[in-house]
Amino acid sequence: MGVILFLIALFLSVLTLPFGMVYTLLKCLFSFRFKHLWKLTNRYFLKLAVSIDQLGNVAMQELFNDLLITDKTYPFGNEDETISSVIGKNLKYGKLSKVGRFLNAILDFLDPNHSLNSIELLEKKIRKN
């Protein structure tokens, strides 16, 4: 049943996501919130990025578990967590492989302390809800 639900979800996503994105952007544009347009648009795309990141954490779990960490103390695959958060937790535990440390260094170059900050962001979100 999981395979069938996945295929249906994938098919519907390909068909409907572009419409939903365009609708949201047009609604922001034409609802006369021009003053906050950039803030609303940026927040919308950040939420999409986090969702895609969570999907990647699940879809790539076996590869990332084998490639980025030395043991499965804190494995990839949790659908409610981002890749960066798992990298950050494994960094804290000293469980990143050489490839994992290299990926973390790239993330740090792009956004200092990205993976460690993503842990705190997730924990704040959990406490907030």
C-alpha atoms as a PDB file:
ATOM      1  CA  MET A   1       0.000   0.000   0.000  1.00  0.00           C
ATOM      2  CA  GLY A   2       2.911   2.374   0.726  1.00  0.00           C
ATOM      3  CA  VAL A   3       4.153   2.140  -2.869  1.00  0.00           C
ATOM      4  CA  ILE A   4       0.708   2.936  -4.274  1.00  0.00           C
ATOM      5  CA  LEU A   5       0.250   5.906  -1.930  1.00  0.00           C
ATOM      6  CA  PHE A   6       3.725   7.165  -2.847  1.00  0.00           C
ATOM      7  CA  LEU A   7       2.974   7.012  -6.568  1.00  0.00           C
ATOM      8  CA  ILE A   8      -0.365   8.788  -6.107  1.00  0.00           C
ATOM      9  CA  ALA A   9       1.257  11.495  -3.950  1.00  0.00           C
ATOM     10  CA  LEU A  10       4.062  11.957  -6.473  1.00  0.00           C
ATOM     11  CA  PHE A  11       1.643  12.214  -9.399  1.00  0.00           C
ATOM     12  CA  LEU A  12      -0.622  14.695  -7.594  1.00  0.00           C
ATOM     13  CA  SER A  13       2.369  16.753  -6.442  1.00  0.00           C
ATOM     14  CA  VAL A  14       3.716  17.106  -9.966  1.00  0.00           C
ATOM     15  CA  LEU A  15       0.285  18.216 -11.166  1.00  0.00           C
ATOM     16  CA  THR A  16      -0.749  20.526  -8.332  1.00  0.00           C
ATOM     17  CA  LEU A  17       2.358  22.030  -6.710  1.00  0.00           C
ATOM     18  CA  PRO A  18       3.073  24.507  -9.522  1.00  0.00           C
ATOM     19  CA  PHE A  19      -0.518  25.798  -9.353  1.00  0.00           C
ATOM     20  CA  GLY A  20      -0.370  26.159  -5.586  1.00  0.00           C
ATOM     21  CA  MET A  21       2.917  28.047  -5.751  1.00  0.00           C
ATOM     22  CA  VAL A  22       1.740  30.434  -8.466  1.00  0.00           C
ATOM     23  CA  TYR A  23      -1.556  31.024  -6.628  1.00  0.00           C
ATOM     24  CA  THR A  24       0.234  31.835  -3.374  1.00  0.00           C
ATOM     25  CA  LEU A  25       2.617  34.270  -5.050  1.00  0.00           C
ATOM     26  CA  LEU A  26      -0.183  35.983  -6.970  1.00  0.00           C
ATOM     27  CA  LYS A  27      -2.312  36.229  -3.837  1.00  0.00           C
ATOM     28  CA  CYS A  28       0.564  37.924  -1.993  1.00  0.00           C
ATOM     29  CA  LEU A  29       1.130  40.250  -4.917  1.00  0.00           C
ATOM     30  CA  PHE A  30      -2.495  41.256  -5.422  1.00  0.00           C
ATOM     31  CA  SER A  31      -3.641  41.395  -1.817  1.00  0.00           C
ATOM     32  CA  PHE A  32      -2.033  44.817  -1.553  1.00  0.00           C
ATOM     33  CA  ARG A  33       0.566  43.651   0.910  1.00  0.00           C
ATOM     34  CA  PHE A  34       3.345  45.161  -1.181  1.00  0.00           C
ATOM     35  CA  LYS A  35       5.114  46.415   1.926  1.00  0.00           C
ATOM     36  CA  HIS A  36       5.464  42.861   3.213  1.00  0.00           C
ATOM     37  CA  LEU A  37       5.734  41.107  -0.170  1.00  0.00           C
ATOM     38  CA  TRP A  38       9.417  40.211   0.156  1.00  0.00           C
ATOM     39  CA  LYS A  39       9.000  39.016   3.753  1.00  0.00           C
ATOM     40  CA  LEU A  40       5.975  36.842   2.884  1.00  0.00           C
ATOM     41  CA  THR A  41       7.614  35.452  -0.254  1.00  0.00           C
ATOM     42  CA  ASN A  42      10.853  34.717   1.561  1.00  0.00           C
ATOM     43  CA  ARG A  43       9.023  32.945   4.415  1.00  0.00           C
ATOM     44  CA  TYR A  44       7.003  30.901   1.898  1.00  0.00           C
ATOM     45  CA  PHE A  45      10.111  29.724   0.058  1.00  0.00           C
ATOM     46  CA  LEU A  46      11.906  28.963   3.331  1.00  0.00           C
ATOM     47  CA  LYS A  47       9.023  26.669   4.327  1.00  0.00           C
ATOM     48  CA  LEU A  48       9.232  24.962   0.931  1.00  0.00           C
ATOM     49  CA  ALA A  49      13.003  24.537   1.332  1.00  0.00           C
ATOM     50  CA  VAL A  50      12.588  22.941   4.777  1.00  0.00           C
ATOM     51  CA  SER A  51       9.922  20.587   3.398  1.00  0.00           C
ATOM     52  CA  ILE A  52      12.178  19.526   0.529  1.00  0.00           C
ATOM     53  CA  ASP A  53      15.036  19.069   3.003  1.00  0.00           C
ATOM     54  CA  GLN A  54      12.863  16.791   5.158  1.00  0.00           C
ATOM     55  CA  LEU A  55      11.909  14.797   2.069  1.00  0.00           C
ATOM     56  CA  GLY A  56      15.600  14.452   1.219  1.00  0.00           C
ATOM     57  CA  ASN A  57      16.303  13.198   4.740  1.00  0.00           C
ATOM     58  CA  VAL A  58      13.848  10.343   4.192  1.00  0.00           C
ATOM     59  CA  ALA A  59      14.610   9.637   0.520  1.00  0.00           C
ATOM     60  CA  MET A  60      18.394   9.590   1.037  1.00  0.00           C
ATOM     61  CA  GLN A  61      18.463   7.948   4.478  1.00  0.00           C
ATOM     62  CA  GLU A  62      20.284   4.730   3.553  1.00  0.00           C
ATOM     63  CA  LEU A  63      22.905   6.493   1.436  1.00  0.00           C
ATOM     64  CA  PHE A  64      23.458   9.227   4.031  1.00  0.00           C
ATOM     65  CA  ASN A  65      23.609   6.716   6.895  1.00  0.00           C
ATOM     66  CA  ASP A  66      26.333   4.807   5.033  1.00  0.00           C
ATOM     67  CA  LEU A  67      28.185   7.835   3.664  1.00  0.00           C
ATOM     68  CA  LEU A  68      27.943  10.665   6.202  1.00  0.00           C
ATOM     69  CA  ILE A  69      28.024   9.054   9.656  1.00  0.00           C
ATOM     70  CA  THR A  70      30.277   6.514  11.365  1.00  0.00           C
ATOM     71  CA  ASP A  71      27.526   4.733  13.273  1.00  0.00           C
ATOM     72  CA  LYS A  72      23.775   4.994  13.614  1.00  0.00           C
ATOM     73  CA  THR A  73      23.642   6.682  17.016  1.00  0.00           C
ATOM     74  CA  TYR A  74      21.521   9.396  15.394  1.00  0.00           C
ATOM     75  CA  PRO A  75      20.530   8.148  11.913  1.00  0.00           C
ATOM     76  CA  PHE A  76      18.985   9.926   8.957  1.00  0.00           C
ATOM     77  CA  GLY A  77      15.395   9.124   7.978  1.00  0.00           C
ATOM     78  CA  ASN A  78      13.130  10.972  10.414  1.00  0.00           C
ATOM     79  CA  GLU A  79      10.446  12.634   8.254  1.00  0.00           C
ATOM     80  CA  ASP A  80      10.132  15.564  10.683  1.00  0.00           C
ATOM     81  CA  GLU A  81      13.813  16.488  10.628  1.00  0.00           C
ATOM     82  CA  THR A  82      16.083  18.191   8.129  1.00  0.00           C
ATOM     83  CA  ILE A  83      19.340  16.821   6.785  1.00  0.00           C
ATOM     84  CA  SER A  84      21.202  19.706   8.401  1.00  0.00           C
ATOM     85  CA  SER A  85      19.757  18.913  11.825  1.00  0.00           C
ATOM     86  CA  VAL A  86      20.898  15.287  11.611  1.00  0.00           C
ATOM     87  CA  ILE A  87      24.342  16.435  10.474  1.00  0.00           C
ATOM     88  CA  GLY A  88      24.451  18.875  13.402  1.00  0.00           C
ATOM     89  CA  LYS A  89      23.480  16.223  15.957  1.00  0.00           C
ATOM     90  CA  ASN A  90      26.061  13.801  14.601  1.00  0.00           C
ATOM     91  CA  LEU A  91      28.651  16.599  14.656  1.00  0.00           C
ATOM     92  CA  LYS A  92      27.877  17.162  18.345  1.00  0.00           C
ATOM     93  CA  TYR A  93      28.249  13.419  19.040  1.00  0.00           C
ATOM     94  CA  GLY A  94      31.476  13.193  16.990  1.00  0.00           C
ATOM     95  CA  LYS A  95      29.891  10.656  14.619  1.00  0.00           C
ATOM     96  CA  LEU A  96      30.370  12.339  11.214  1.00  0.00           C
ATOM     97  CA  SER A  97      32.511  10.515   8.657  1.00  0.00           C
ATOM     98  CA  LYS A  98      35.131  12.375   6.601  1.00  0.00           C
ATOM     99  CA  VAL A  99      32.501  12.958   3.904  1.00  0.00           C
ATOM    100  CA  GLY A 100      30.047  14.167   6.556  1.00  0.00           C
ATOM    101  CA  ARG A 101      32.620  16.590   7.984  1.00  0.00           C
ATOM    102  CA  PHE A 102      33.357  17.838   4.456  1.00  0.00           C
ATOM    103  CA  LEU A 103      29.648  18.439   3.789  1.00  0.00           C
ATOM    104  CA  ASN A 104      29.353  20.207   7.140  1.00  0.00           C
ATOM    105  CA  ALA A 105      32.341  22.419   6.210  1.00  0.00           C
ATOM    106  CA  ILE A 106      30.574  23.417   2.977  1.00  0.00           C
ATOM    107  CA  LEU A 107      27.415  24.259   4.928  1.00  0.00           C
ATOM    108  CA  ASP A 108      29.504  26.260   7.420  1.00  0.00           C
ATOM    109  CA  PHE A 109      31.109  28.189   4.566  1.00  0.00           C
ATOM    110  CA  LEU A 110      27.697  29.078   3.133  1.00  0.00           C
ATOM    111  CA  ASP A 111      26.061  29.761   6.505  1.00  0.00           C
ATOM    112  CA  PRO A 112      28.293  29.711   9.627  1.00  0.00           C
ATOM    113  CA  ASN A 113      27.211  27.055  12.157  1.00  0.00           C
ATOM    114  CA  HIS A 114      24.348  26.036   9.853  1.00  0.00           C
ATOM    115  CA  SER A 115      23.994  22.449  11.031  1.00  0.00           C
ATOM    116  CA  LEU A 116      24.274  23.311  14.733  1.00  0.00           C
ATOM    117  CA  ASN A 117      21.834  26.203  14.347  1.00  0.00           C
ATOM    118  CA  SER A 118      19.379  23.904  12.559  1.00  0.00           C
ATOM    119  CA  ILE A 119      19.176  21.747  15.691  1.00  0.00           C
ATOM    120  CA  GLU A 120      18.159  24.745  17.767  1.00  0.00           C
ATOM    121  CA  LEU A 121      15.678  25.876  15.102  1.00  0.00           C
ATOM    122  CA  LEU A 122      13.983  22.471  15.129  1.00  0.00           C
ATOM    123  CA  GLU A 123      13.893  22.349  18.930  1.00  0.00           C
ATOM    124  CA  LYS A 124      12.400  25.878  19.110  1.00  0.00           C
ATOM    125  CA  LYS A 125       9.743  24.844  16.600  1.00  0.00           C
ATOM    126  CA  ILE A 126       8.867  21.774  18.698  1.00  0.00           C
ATOM    127  CA  ARG A 127       8.663  23.821  21.910  1.00  0.00           C
ATOM    128  CA  LYS A 128       6.539  26.457  20.150  1.00  0.00           C
ATOM    129  CA  ASN A 129       3.927  23.872  19.084  1.00  0.00           C
END
